């Protein structure tokens, strides 16, 4: 089951369970999906939308001066893929990247991000490359 279908089925379950927080959050997510031209979204597209929602929620909370964590964010984070750890990224780089092929280390960033996709934070990978 892809992520989009999982969210739709979880909405049905939240409605039946009368879980208002989850129901409202999932409706916001599905509303974002409906704003796009495509009916079926890939998991990568869904993850991008979820990350965008989390970012905008955190920005709004910072402006209000509230805590940076909310139920809205925690519900959305449950649908994001597990992030790769620094040690996983480092070991993959050591095994698969030959820095002699590049003028500088940052040119390897594209290959690394292509491999890890949404499971690695670009800023974390950048800092890791600068340390190497």
Protein backbone atom coordinates (compact mmCIF):
# COMPACT_ATOMS: atom_id res chain seq x y z
CA UNK A 1 0.00 0.00 0.00
CA UNK A 2 1.46 3.34 -0.96
CA UNK A 3 1.62 6.27 1.43
CA UNK A 4 -1.30 8.17 -0.08
CA UNK A 5 -3.65 5.18 0.27
CA UNK A 6 -2.37 4.56 3.80
CA UNK A 7 -3.27 8.12 4.81
CA UNK A 8 -6.76 7.75 3.30
CA UNK A 9 -7.38 4.50 5.15
CA UNK A 10 -6.04 5.99 8.39
CA UNK A 11 -8.49 8.87 7.98
CA UNK A 12 -11.36 6.39 7.81
CA UNK A 13 -10.06 4.66 10.93
CA UNK A 14 -9.66 8.00 12.76
CA UNK A 15 -13.24 8.97 11.91
CA UNK A 16 -14.52 5.65 13.24
CA UNK A 17 -12.39 5.98 16.38
CA UNK A 18 -13.56 9.59 16.84
CA UNK A 19 -9.91 10.77 17.03
CA UNK A 20 -10.44 14.45 16.24
CA UNK A 21 -6.75 15.50 16.21
CA UNK A 22 -5.73 12.77 13.79
CA UNK A 23 -8.82 13.25 11.64
CA UNK A 24 -8.20 16.98 11.28
CA UNK A 25 -4.51 16.50 10.52
CA UNK A 26 -5.16 13.83 7.88
CA UNK A 27 -7.79 16.04 6.25
CA UNK A 28 -5.25 18.85 5.96
CA UNK A 29 -2.81 16.42 4.30
CA UNK A 30 -5.44 15.13 1.88
CA UNK A 31 -6.42 18.72 1.12
CA UNK A 32 -2.83 19.40 0.07
CA UNK A 33 -2.93 16.32 -2.17
CA UNK A 34 -6.13 17.53 -3.86
CA UNK A 35 -4.50 20.87 -4.74
CA UNK A 36 -2.21 19.03 -7.16
CA UNK A 37 -3.25 18.09 -10.69
CA UNK A 38 -2.41 14.40 -10.25
CA UNK A 39 -4.80 11.97 -8.58
CA UNK A 40 -2.17 9.36 -7.69
CA UNK A 41 1.04 10.60 -6.07
CA UNK A 42 4.29 8.72 -5.66
CA UNK A 43 5.62 8.19 -2.15
CA UNK A 44 8.39 10.74 -2.84
CA UNK A 45 5.81 13.39 -3.75
CA UNK A 46 3.81 12.59 -0.62
CA UNK A 47 6.95 12.89 1.55
CA UNK A 48 7.74 16.30 0.02
CA UNK A 49 4.23 17.53 0.86
CA UNK A 50 4.47 16.18 4.42
CA UNK A 51 7.84 17.86 4.97
CA UNK A 52 6.43 21.13 3.62
CA UNK A 53 3.51 20.93 6.06
CA UNK A 54 5.84 20.26 8.98
CA UNK A 55 8.09 23.16 7.99
CA UNK A 56 5.18 25.60 7.73
CA UNK A 57 3.75 24.42 11.07
CA UNK A 58 7.12 24.89 12.79
CA UNK A 59 7.47 28.37 11.30
CA UNK A 60 4.00 29.29 12.53
CA UNK A 61 4.76 27.98 16.02
CA UNK A 62 8.03 29.96 16.12
CA UNK A 63 6.19 33.17 15.20
CA UNK A 64 3.69 32.55 17.98
CA UNK A 65 6.49 31.73 20.39
CA UNK A 66 4.95 28.36 21.26
CA UNK A 67 6.79 25.10 21.71
CA UNK A 68 8.27 23.74 18.50
CA UNK A 69 6.41 20.44 18.82
CA UNK A 70 2.72 19.87 18.31
CA UNK A 71 0.34 16.96 17.90
CA UNK A 72 -0.08 18.02 14.25
CA UNK A 73 3.66 17.61 13.62
CA UNK A 74 3.93 14.30 15.48
CA UNK A 75 1.03 12.79 13.49
CA UNK A 76 2.62 13.83 10.19
CA UNK A 77 6.07 12.57 11.24
CA UNK A 78 4.61 9.07 11.65
CA UNK A 79 4.22 8.93 7.86
CA UNK A 80 7.76 10.06 7.03
CA UNK A 81 10.35 7.39 6.25
CA UNK A 82 12.94 6.53 8.89
CA UNK A 83 15.89 8.86 8.43
CA UNK A 84 19.32 7.41 7.75
CA UNK A 85 21.80 7.85 10.59
CA UNK A 86 25.12 9.65 10.18
CA UNK A 87 26.99 6.39 10.58
CA UNK A 88 24.91 4.74 7.82
CA UNK A 89 25.58 7.65 5.49
CA UNK A 90 29.29 7.71 6.34
CA UNK A 91 29.75 3.99 5.77
CA UNK A 92 27.90 4.13 2.43
CA UNK A 93 30.07 7.07 1.30
CA UNK A 94 33.27 5.25 2.30
CA UNK A 95 32.22 2.13 0.39
CA UNK A 96 30.78 3.74 -2.75
CA UNK A 97 32.29 7.17 -3.38
CA UNK A 98 35.78 7.74 -4.78
CA UNK A 99 36.57 11.39 -4.10
CA UNK A 100 39.46 11.33 -6.61
CA UNK A 101 36.82 11.41 -9.37
CA UNK A 102 35.59 14.85 -8.23
CA UNK A 103 37.21 18.28 -8.15
CA UNK A 104 35.82 18.78 -4.65
CA UNK A 105 33.86 16.68 -2.17
CA UNK A 106 30.61 18.61 -2.60
CA UNK A 107 30.27 17.30 -6.17
CA UNK A 108 29.56 13.86 -4.68
CA UNK A 109 26.48 15.27 -2.94
CA UNK A 110 24.20 14.48 -5.91
CA UNK A 111 25.14 10.80 -5.93
CA UNK A 112 24.68 10.52 -2.18
CA UNK A 113 21.28 12.22 -2.17
CA UNK A 114 20.15 10.13 -5.16
CA UNK A 115 20.97 6.97 -3.21
CA UNK A 116 19.36 8.03 0.09
CA UNK A 117 16.51 10.13 -1.32
CA UNK A 118 14.11 11.38 1.33
CA UNK A 119 15.76 9.34 4.08
CA UNK A 120 18.72 11.73 4.36
CA UNK A 121 18.70 15.41 5.23
CA UNK A 122 20.69 17.39 2.67
CA UNK A 123 22.13 19.74 5.27
CA UNK A 124 23.34 16.83 7.40
CA UNK A 125 25.02 15.22 4.38
CA UNK A 126 26.67 18.54 3.50
CA UNK A 127 28.10 18.92 7.02
CA UNK A 128 29.29 15.32 6.92
CA UNK A 129 31.11 15.88 3.63
CA UNK A 130 32.76 19.03 4.98
CA UNK A 131 34.12 17.05 7.95
CA UNK A 132 35.58 14.30 5.74
